[in-house]
């Protein structure tokens, strides 16, 4: 199972901020990878990949430990991210299949 947790983090303004937050999040057991989209002056998107869902309090504590200016404004957890991604893509796959079937019938 693959879990994707997306944190909205405020207070991050530079690559150094990203490095501090990433370092603290990577200390949490189960964290495999951390990716950040920095939004200077706004809410940065920090995506945490893990095999299992992570404890939200531990994530918040890690961000707070990274620096006094950082705060978690939002948390979104997708426990089975692969299944969620496949479900989102299903309508497009079905439409492509239907289109191919129609094209095959035209000949």
N, C-alpha and C. Protein backbone atom coordinates (compact mmCIF):
# COMPACT_ATOMS: atom_id res chain seq x y z
N UNK A 1 0.85 -1.18 0.00
CA UNK A 1 0.00 0.00 0.00
C UNK A 1 0.89 1.24 0.00
N UNK A 2 0.47 2.25 -0.69
CA UNK A 2 1.22 3.50 -0.77
C UNK A 2 0.35 4.63 -0.26
N UNK A 3 0.89 5.42 0.66
CA UNK A 3 0.15 6.53 1.23
C UNK A 3 0.81 7.84 0.84
N UNK A 4 0.00 8.80 0.44
CA UNK A 4 0.49 10.13 0.13
C UNK A 4 -0.20 11.10 1.09
N UNK A 5 0.61 11.84 1.84
CA UNK A 5 0.09 12.84 2.76
C UNK A 5 0.55 14.20 2.27
N UNK A 6 -0.40 15.10 2.08
CA UNK A 6 -0.08 16.44 1.61
C UNK A 6 -0.32 17.43 2.73
N UNK A 7 0.72 18.17 3.08
CA UNK A 7 0.64 19.17 4.13
C UNK A 7 0.68 20.56 3.50
N UNK A 8 -0.18 21.43 3.95
CA UNK A 8 -0.10 22.84 3.60
C UNK A 8 0.69 23.51 4.71
N UNK A 9 1.89 23.99 4.41
CA UNK A 9 2.77 24.55 5.43
C UNK A 9 3.00 26.04 5.17
N UNK A 10 2.77 26.84 6.20
CA UNK A 10 3.01 28.28 6.10
C UNK A 10 4.36 28.63 6.72
N UNK A 11 4.91 29.77 6.32
CA UNK A 11 6.14 30.27 6.91
C UNK A 11 7.40 29.89 6.18
N UNK A 12 7.30 29.08 5.15
CA UNK A 12 8.48 28.67 4.38
C UNK A 12 8.73 29.71 3.29
N UNK A 13 9.97 30.22 3.22
CA UNK A 13 10.25 31.28 2.26
C UNK A 13 11.43 31.00 1.33
N UNK A 14 12.17 29.91 1.59
CA UNK A 14 13.37 29.69 0.79
C UNK A 14 13.75 28.20 0.78
N UNK A 15 14.77 27.88 0.00
CA UNK A 15 15.24 26.50 -0.10
C UNK A 15 15.77 25.99 1.24
N UNK A 16 16.33 26.87 2.05
CA UNK A 16 16.81 26.48 3.37
C UNK A 16 15.64 26.03 4.25
N UNK A 17 14.52 26.74 4.15
CA UNK A 17 13.31 26.35 4.89
C UNK A 17 12.87 24.94 4.47
N UNK A 18 12.86 24.71 3.17
CA UNK A 18 12.48 23.40 2.64
C UNK A 18 13.40 22.33 3.20
N UNK A 19 14.70 22.60 3.24
CA UNK A 19 15.66 21.63 3.75
C UNK A 19 15.41 21.30 5.21
N UNK A 20 15.11 22.32 6.03
CA UNK A 20 14.85 22.10 7.46
C UNK A 20 13.60 21.25 7.66
N UNK A 21 12.53 21.58 6.96
CA UNK A 21 11.28 20.84 7.11
C UNK A 21 11.46 19.40 6.61
N UNK A 22 12.11 19.25 5.46
CA UNK A 22 12.34 17.92 4.90
C UNK A 22 13.15 17.06 5.87
N UNK A 23 14.19 17.62 6.43
CA UNK A 23 15.06 16.89 7.36
C UNK A 23 14.27 16.37 8.56
N UNK A 24 13.40 17.21 9.12
CA UNK A 24 12.62 16.79 10.29
C UNK A 24 11.58 15.74 9.92
N UNK A 25 10.92 15.91 8.77
CA UNK A 25 9.91 14.94 8.35
C UNK A 25 10.54 13.58 8.06
N UNK A 26 11.74 13.58 7.50
CA UNK A 26 12.41 12.31 7.17
C UNK A 26 12.83 11.52 8.40
N UNK A 27 12.81 12.16 9.57
CA UNK A 27 13.12 11.46 10.83
C UNK A 27 11.96 10.59 11.31
N UNK A 28 10.77 10.81 10.78
CA UNK A 28 9.59 10.05 11.19
C UNK A 28 9.67 8.65 10.60
N UNK A 29 9.47 7.64 11.45
CA UNK A 29 9.47 6.25 10.98
C UNK A 29 8.42 6.06 9.89
N UNK A 30 8.83 5.45 8.80
CA UNK A 30 7.91 5.15 7.71
C UNK A 30 7.95 6.12 6.56
N UNK A 31 8.54 7.30 6.76
CA UNK A 31 8.62 8.28 5.68
C UNK A 31 9.65 7.80 4.66
N UNK A 32 9.21 7.72 3.40
CA UNK A 32 10.08 7.27 2.32
C UNK A 32 10.66 8.43 1.52
N UNK A 33 9.85 9.46 1.30
CA UNK A 33 10.28 10.58 0.47
C UNK A 33 9.46 11.81 0.83
N UNK A 34 10.08 12.98 0.70
CA UNK A 34 9.40 14.26 0.94
C UNK A 34 9.66 15.15 -0.27
N UNK A 35 8.60 15.73 -0.81
CA UNK A 35 8.72 16.67 -1.93
C UNK A 35 7.98 17.95 -1.56
N UNK A 36 8.54 19.10 -1.94
CA UNK A 36 7.93 20.38 -1.57
C UNK A 36 7.80 21.29 -2.78
N UNK A 37 6.64 21.93 -2.87
CA UNK A 37 6.42 23.01 -3.83
C UNK A 37 6.36 24.28 -2.99
N UNK A 38 7.40 25.09 -3.08
CA UNK A 38 7.52 26.30 -2.26
C UNK A 38 6.66 27.42 -2.82
N UNK A 39 5.82 27.96 -1.97
CA UNK A 39 4.99 29.12 -2.31
C UNK A 39 5.40 30.24 -1.36
N UNK A 40 6.32 31.07 -1.81
CA UNK A 40 6.82 32.15 -0.96
C UNK A 40 5.70 33.09 -0.57
N UNK A 41 5.53 33.29 0.73
CA UNK A 41 4.50 34.18 1.23
C UNK A 41 3.13 33.54 1.30
N UNK A 42 3.04 32.26 0.98
CA UNK A 42 1.76 31.56 1.02
C UNK A 42 1.90 30.21 1.66
N UNK A 43 1.02 29.32 1.29
CA UNK A 43 1.00 27.97 1.85
C UNK A 43 1.74 27.03 0.90
N UNK A 44 2.89 26.55 1.33
CA UNK A 44 3.67 25.62 0.52
C UNK A 44 3.07 24.23 0.62
N UNK A 45 3.20 23.46 -0.46
CA UNK A 45 2.66 22.10 -0.49
C UNK A 45 3.80 21.11 -0.26
N UNK A 46 3.71 20.40 0.88
CA UNK A 46 4.72 19.41 1.24
C UNK A 46 4.07 18.04 1.12
N UNK A 47 4.58 17.21 0.23
CA UNK A 47 4.03 15.88 -0.01
C UNK A 47 4.95 14.85 0.61
N UNK A 48 4.36 14.00 1.45
CA UNK A 48 5.12 12.97 2.17
C UNK A 48 4.64 11.61 1.70
N UNK A 49 5.57 10.78 1.23
CA UNK A 49 5.25 9.44 0.75
C UNK A 49 5.65 8.42 1.81
N UNK A 50 4.76 7.44 2.03
CA UNK A 50 5.03 6.39 3.02
C UNK A 50 4.26 5.14 2.63
N UNK A 51 4.65 4.00 3.22
CA UNK A 51 3.93 2.75 2.96
C UNK A 51 2.58 2.73 3.66
N UNK A 52 2.53 3.28 4.86
CA UNK A 52 1.33 3.28 5.69
C UNK A 52 0.97 4.71 6.06
N UNK A 53 -0.29 4.95 6.46
CA UNK A 53 -0.65 6.28 6.93
C UNK A 53 0.23 6.69 8.12
N UNK A 54 0.60 7.96 8.16
CA UNK A 54 1.45 8.50 9.22
C UNK A 54 0.60 9.23 10.25
N UNK A 55 1.12 9.33 11.46
CA UNK A 55 0.43 10.02 12.54
C UNK A 55 0.46 11.53 12.27
N UNK A 56 -0.72 12.13 12.21
CA UNK A 56 -0.82 13.55 11.89
C UNK A 56 -0.11 14.41 12.94
N UNK A 57 -0.23 14.03 14.22
CA UNK A 57 0.44 14.79 15.27
C UNK A 57 1.96 14.76 15.11
N UNK A 58 2.49 13.61 14.69
CA UNK A 58 3.94 13.49 14.47
C UNK A 58 4.38 14.38 13.32
N UNK A 59 3.56 14.46 12.27
CA UNK A 59 3.88 15.33 11.13
C UNK A 59 3.89 16.79 11.56
N UNK A 60 2.87 17.18 12.31
CA UNK A 60 2.78 18.57 12.79
C UNK A 60 3.96 18.90 13.71
N UNK A 61 4.31 17.96 14.58
CA UNK A 61 5.43 18.18 15.51
C UNK A 61 6.75 18.32 14.76
N UNK A 62 6.94 17.53 13.71
CA UNK A 62 8.17 17.60 12.93
C UNK A 62 8.29 18.96 12.24
N UNK A 63 7.20 19.45 11.69
CA UNK A 63 7.22 20.76 11.03
C UNK A 63 7.52 21.85 12.06
N UNK A 64 6.90 21.77 13.23
CA UNK A 64 7.16 22.76 14.28
C UNK A 64 8.61 22.70 14.75
N UNK A 65 9.16 21.49 14.83
CA UNK A 65 10.55 21.31 15.25
C UNK A 65 11.52 21.93 14.24
N UNK A 66 11.13 21.97 12.99
CA UNK A 66 11.99 22.52 11.93
C UNK A 66 12.22 24.01 12.10
N UNK A 67 11.28 24.71 12.73
CA UNK A 67 11.44 26.14 12.94
C UNK A 67 10.18 26.77 13.48
N UNK A 68 10.36 27.83 14.28
CA UNK A 68 9.22 28.49 14.92
C UNK A 68 8.28 29.16 13.93
N UNK A 69 8.78 29.49 12.74
CA UNK A 69 7.97 30.20 11.76
C UNK A 69 7.06 29.28 10.95
N UNK A 70 7.27 27.98 11.05
CA UNK A 70 6.54 27.03 10.22
C UNK A 70 5.32 26.49 10.96
N UNK A 71 4.22 26.35 10.23
CA UNK A 71 3.00 25.79 10.81
C UNK A 71 2.25 25.00 9.75
N UNK A 72 1.63 23.90 10.17
CA UNK A 72 0.81 23.10 9.26
C UNK A 72 -0.59 23.70 9.24
N UNK A 73 -1.00 24.18 8.07
CA UNK A 73 -2.32 24.79 7.92
C UNK A 73 -3.37 23.78 7.48
N UNK A 74 -2.93 22.72 6.78
CA UNK A 74 -3.89 21.71 6.30
C UNK A 74 -3.18 20.38 6.12
N UNK A 75 -3.97 19.30 6.23
CA UNK A 75 -3.45 17.94 6.05
C UNK A 75 -4.45 17.16 5.21
N UNK A 76 -3.96 16.51 4.16
CA UNK A 76 -4.80 15.62 3.34
C UNK A 76 -4.07 14.29 3.23
N UNK A 77 -4.74 13.22 3.64
CA UNK A 77 -4.13 11.90 3.62
C UNK A 77 -4.87 11.01 2.63
N UNK A 78 -4.11 10.41 1.71
CA UNK A 78 -4.66 9.42 0.77
C UNK A 78 -4.02 8.09 1.14
N UNK A 79 -4.76 7.24 1.92
CA UNK A 79 -4.18 5.99 2.41
C UNK A 79 -3.77 5.02 1.32
N UNK A 80 -4.50 4.93 0.25
CA UNK A 80 -4.11 4.04 -0.84
C UNK A 80 -4.02 4.89 -2.09
N UNK A 81 -2.93 5.61 -2.20
CA UNK A 81 -2.78 6.60 -3.26
C UNK A 81 -2.83 5.99 -4.65
N UNK A 82 -2.29 4.79 -4.81
CA UNK A 82 -2.31 4.14 -6.12
C UNK A 82 -3.74 3.85 -6.55
N UNK A 83 -4.54 3.33 -5.64
CA UNK A 83 -5.95 3.05 -5.96
C UNK A 83 -6.69 4.35 -6.27
N UNK A 84 -6.40 5.40 -5.52
CA UNK A 84 -7.06 6.68 -5.76
C UNK A 84 -6.68 7.23 -7.13
N UNK A 85 -5.41 7.12 -7.48
CA UNK A 85 -4.95 7.59 -8.79
C UNK A 85 -5.60 6.80 -9.91
N UNK A 86 -5.70 5.50 -9.75
CA UNK A 86 -6.32 4.68 -10.78
C UNK A 86 -7.80 5.01 -10.91
N UNK A 87 -8.47 5.28 -9.80
CA UNK A 87 -9.89 5.64 -9.84
C UNK A 87 -10.08 6.96 -10.58
N UNK A 88 -9.18 7.92 -10.34
CA UNK A 88 -9.27 9.21 -11.02
C UNK A 88 -9.05 9.06 -12.52
N UNK A 89 -8.19 8.13 -12.91
CA UNK A 89 -7.86 7.95 -14.32
C UNK A 89 -8.85 7.05 -15.05
N UNK A 90 -9.70 6.34 -14.33
CA UNK A 90 -10.61 5.38 -14.94
C UNK A 90 -11.52 6.00 -16.01
N UNK A 91 -12.16 7.16 -15.76
CA UNK A 91 -13.01 7.73 -16.81
C UNK A 91 -12.24 8.03 -18.10
N UNK A 92 -11.02 8.52 -17.99
CA UNK A 92 -10.22 8.81 -19.18
C UNK A 92 -9.86 7.53 -19.92
N UNK A 93 -9.51 6.48 -19.16
CA UNK A 93 -9.18 5.20 -19.79
C UNK A 93 -10.41 4.63 -20.49
N UNK A 94 -11.57 4.76 -19.85
CA UNK A 94 -12.80 4.24 -20.45
C UNK A 94 -13.14 5.01 -21.72
N UNK A 95 -12.98 6.33 -21.69
CA UNK A 95 -13.26 7.14 -22.88
C UNK A 95 -12.32 6.76 -24.02
N UNK A 96 -11.05 6.55 -23.71
CA UNK A 96 -10.08 6.14 -24.75
C UNK A 96 -10.45 4.78 -25.31
N UNK A 97 -10.88 3.89 -24.45
CA UNK A 97 -11.29 2.54 -24.88
C UNK A 97 -12.51 2.64 -25.79
N UNK A 98 -13.50 3.44 -25.37
CA UNK A 98 -14.71 3.61 -26.17
C UNK A 98 -14.39 4.22 -27.53
N UNK A 99 -13.49 5.21 -27.54
CA UNK A 99 -13.10 5.86 -28.79
C UNK A 99 -12.41 4.86 -29.72
N UNK A 100 -11.53 4.06 -29.17
CA UNK A 100 -10.82 3.05 -29.97
C UNK A 100 -11.80 2.02 -30.52
N UNK A 101 -12.78 1.64 -29.72
CA UNK A 101 -13.78 0.66 -30.16
C UNK A 101 -14.61 1.23 -31.31
N UNK A 102 -14.99 2.52 -31.19
CA UNK A 102 -15.76 3.16 -32.27
C UNK A 102 -14.94 3.24 -33.54
N UNK A 103 -13.66 3.60 -33.41
CA UNK A 103 -12.79 3.69 -34.58
C UNK A 103 -12.63 2.33 -35.25
N UNK A 104 -12.57 1.28 -34.44
CA UNK A 104 -12.45 -0.08 -34.98
C UNK A 104 -13.70 -0.50 -35.73
N UNK A 105 -14.87 -0.04 -35.27
CA UNK A 105 -16.14 -0.38 -35.92
C UNK A 105 -16.32 0.37 -37.23
N UNK A 106 -15.64 1.52 -37.38
CA UNK A 106 -15.84 2.35 -38.56
C UNK A 106 -15.22 1.73 -39.82
N UNK A 107 -14.24 0.83 -39.65
CA UNK A 107 -13.53 0.30 -40.80
C UNK A 107 -14.17 -0.84 -41.41
